[in-house]
Protein backbone atom coordinates (compact mmCIF):
# COMPACT_ATOMS: atom_id res chain seq x y z
CA MET A 1 -33.02 85.50 34.74
CA GLN A 2 -34.11 84.33 31.29
CA LEU A 3 -36.98 86.85 31.20
CA HIS A 4 -34.81 89.54 32.78
CA ARG A 5 -32.35 89.39 29.90
CA ASP A 6 -35.11 90.25 27.43
CA ARG A 7 -36.90 92.77 29.67
CA ASP A 8 -36.60 95.52 27.03
CA LYS A 9 -38.42 93.35 24.48
CA PHE A 10 -41.16 92.62 27.00
CA GLU A 11 -41.54 96.30 27.89
CA GLN A 12 -41.73 97.22 24.19
CA ALA A 13 -44.47 94.59 23.79
CA GLY A 14 -46.43 96.23 26.62
CA ALA A 15 -45.62 93.87 29.50
CA ASN A 16 -44.68 94.64 33.07
CA LEU A 17 -42.53 91.74 34.26
CA VAL A 18 -42.73 90.69 37.90
CA VAL A 19 -40.90 87.81 39.59
CA ILE A 20 -42.33 85.91 42.58
CA GLY A 21 -39.92 84.01 44.79
CA GLN A 22 -40.29 81.84 47.89
CA GLY A 23 -37.84 83.58 50.17
CA SER A 24 -38.01 86.39 52.66
CA PRO A 25 -37.77 90.08 51.73
CA ARG A 26 -34.14 90.04 52.93
CA GLN A 27 -33.30 87.03 50.74
CA ALA A 28 -35.05 88.65 47.77
CA ALA A 29 -33.01 91.83 48.19
CA ARG A 30 -29.79 89.81 48.31
CA PHE A 31 -30.80 87.87 45.19
CA ARG A 32 -31.63 91.09 43.33
CA ASP A 33 -28.24 92.55 44.29
CA THR A 34 -26.11 89.50 43.49
CA GLN A 35 -27.91 88.75 40.20
CA HIS A 36 -28.26 92.43 39.19
CA LEU A 37 -31.97 91.85 38.72
CA GLU A 38 -33.82 94.96 37.60
CA LEU A 39 -37.34 93.55 37.86
CA PRO A 40 -39.79 93.80 40.74
CA LEU A 41 -39.29 90.76 42.96
CA LEU A 42 -42.17 89.81 45.23
CA VAL A 43 -41.92 87.12 47.90
CA ASP A 44 -44.35 84.38 48.86
CA PRO A 45 -42.70 82.20 51.50
CA ASN A 46 -45.94 80.24 52.03
CA ARG A 47 -46.16 79.53 48.25
CA ARG A 48 -49.84 80.44 48.03
CA SER A 49 -49.35 82.06 44.63
CA TYR A 50 -47.61 78.92 43.37
CA ARG A 51 -50.57 76.76 44.41
CA ALA A 52 -53.08 79.25 42.95
CA ALA A 53 -51.22 79.20 39.62
CA GLY A 54 -51.12 75.41 39.54
CA ALA A 55 -47.35 75.03 39.96
CA LYS A 56 -46.42 71.57 41.10
CA VAL A 57 -43.93 70.16 43.56
CA ALA A 58 -41.48 68.00 41.62
CA THR A 59 -40.64 64.38 42.15
CA LEU A 60 -37.00 63.38 42.56
CA SER A 61 -36.64 62.49 38.87
CA GLU A 62 -38.23 65.83 37.87
CA LEU A 63 -35.55 67.60 39.90
CA VAL A 64 -32.40 65.62 39.26
CA GLY A 65 -33.19 63.02 36.63
CA PRO A 66 -30.57 62.52 33.90
CA ARG A 67 -32.56 64.40 31.23
CA VAL A 68 -33.21 67.31 33.60
CA LEU A 69 -29.55 67.55 34.65
CA VAL A 70 -28.25 67.48 31.06
CA LYS A 71 -30.80 70.01 29.81
CA GLY A 72 -30.16 72.29 32.80
CA ALA A 73 -26.37 72.10 32.43
CA LEU A 74 -26.54 72.89 28.70
CA ARG A 75 -28.92 75.79 29.20
CA GLY A 76 -26.83 77.16 32.08
CA ALA A 77 -23.60 76.93 30.09
CA ARG A 78 -25.15 78.74 27.11
CA ALA A 79 -26.63 81.46 29.30
CA GLY A 80 -23.62 81.79 31.58
CA VAL A 81 -25.62 81.16 34.75
CA HIS A 82 -25.49 78.49 37.41
CA GLN A 83 -27.82 77.26 40.11
CA GLY A 84 -27.15 78.99 43.38
CA LYS A 85 -28.32 78.09 46.86
CA THR A 86 -31.93 76.98 46.88
CA ILE A 87 -34.19 79.09 49.06
CA GLY A 88 -37.63 77.86 50.01
CA HIS A 89 -39.06 74.48 49.14
CA PRO A 90 -36.36 72.77 47.04
CA ALA A 91 -38.84 70.82 44.91
CA GLN A 92 -41.22 73.70 44.15
CA LEU A 93 -41.43 74.25 40.41
CA GLY A 94 -42.52 77.53 38.90
CA GLY A 95 -43.99 78.81 35.75
CA VAL A 96 -44.79 81.87 33.68
CA LEU A 97 -48.16 83.58 33.54
CA VAL A 98 -49.39 86.35 31.27
CA VAL A 99 -51.98 88.26 33.26
CA SER A 100 -54.18 90.82 31.52
CA THR A 101 -54.97 94.20 33.04
CA ASP A 102 -58.38 92.84 34.12
CA GLY A 103 -56.61 90.15 36.19
CA SER A 104 -57.39 87.23 33.91
CA VAL A 105 -54.65 84.77 33.00
CA THR A 106 -54.45 84.78 29.20
CA TRP A 107 -51.54 82.33 28.89
CA SER A 108 -49.55 80.11 31.23
CA HIS A 109 -46.72 77.63 31.23
CA MET A 110 -46.28 75.57 34.39
CA SER A 111 -42.97 73.74 34.54
CA ASP A 112 -43.08 69.94 34.21
CA ASP A 113 -39.57 69.56 35.64
CA ALA A 114 -36.72 71.70 36.94
CA SER A 115 -35.37 72.36 33.43
CA ASP A 116 -38.71 73.27 31.85
CA ASN A 117 -38.86 76.96 30.99
CA PRO A 118 -40.67 78.31 27.95
CA PRO A 119 -38.62 80.15 25.33
CA ASN A 120 -38.87 83.93 25.69
CA GLU A 121 -40.25 84.24 22.15
CA GLU A 122 -43.18 82.03 23.10
CA VAL A 123 -43.93 84.21 26.12
CA LEU A 124 -43.51 87.38 24.04
CA ASP A 125 -46.01 86.07 21.49
CA ALA A 126 -48.49 85.47 24.33
CA VAL A 127 -47.90 89.01 25.64
CA ARG A 128 -48.45 90.52 22.19
CA ARG A 129 -51.72 88.59 21.78
CA ALA A 130 -52.92 89.72 25.21
CA VAL A 131 -52.07 93.36 24.51
CA ALA A 132 -53.78 93.21 21.10
CA ALA A 133 -56.90 91.72 22.70
CA GLY A 134 -57.01 94.66 25.11
């Protein structure tokens, strides 16, 4: 949702945002509808793309440790979002990749814990560098 909110900035920078989730196509459609998501949402219930990207499965403290809970609650309150029902592997962490038109990954951020998401400006900078490099 964080990237979705700035989708216009990403499009202006030359990016095509795509989200990959763990659920089924039916669950993805429901999520898109309830969250008013306007980005392509692909599904990978077997989590092959997560493994290929290097996303890790979190430990208990990386999911619900005190620091993670506080950071997540503060971020959610500021953004006006809350954690809904978990679909897929509950401990699977994600990340953000910038993939060039030739298929190479030019930048990545793999989450260290459940509250670890890069700031959109950091991702936008990576997109701008990738577009400038061609």
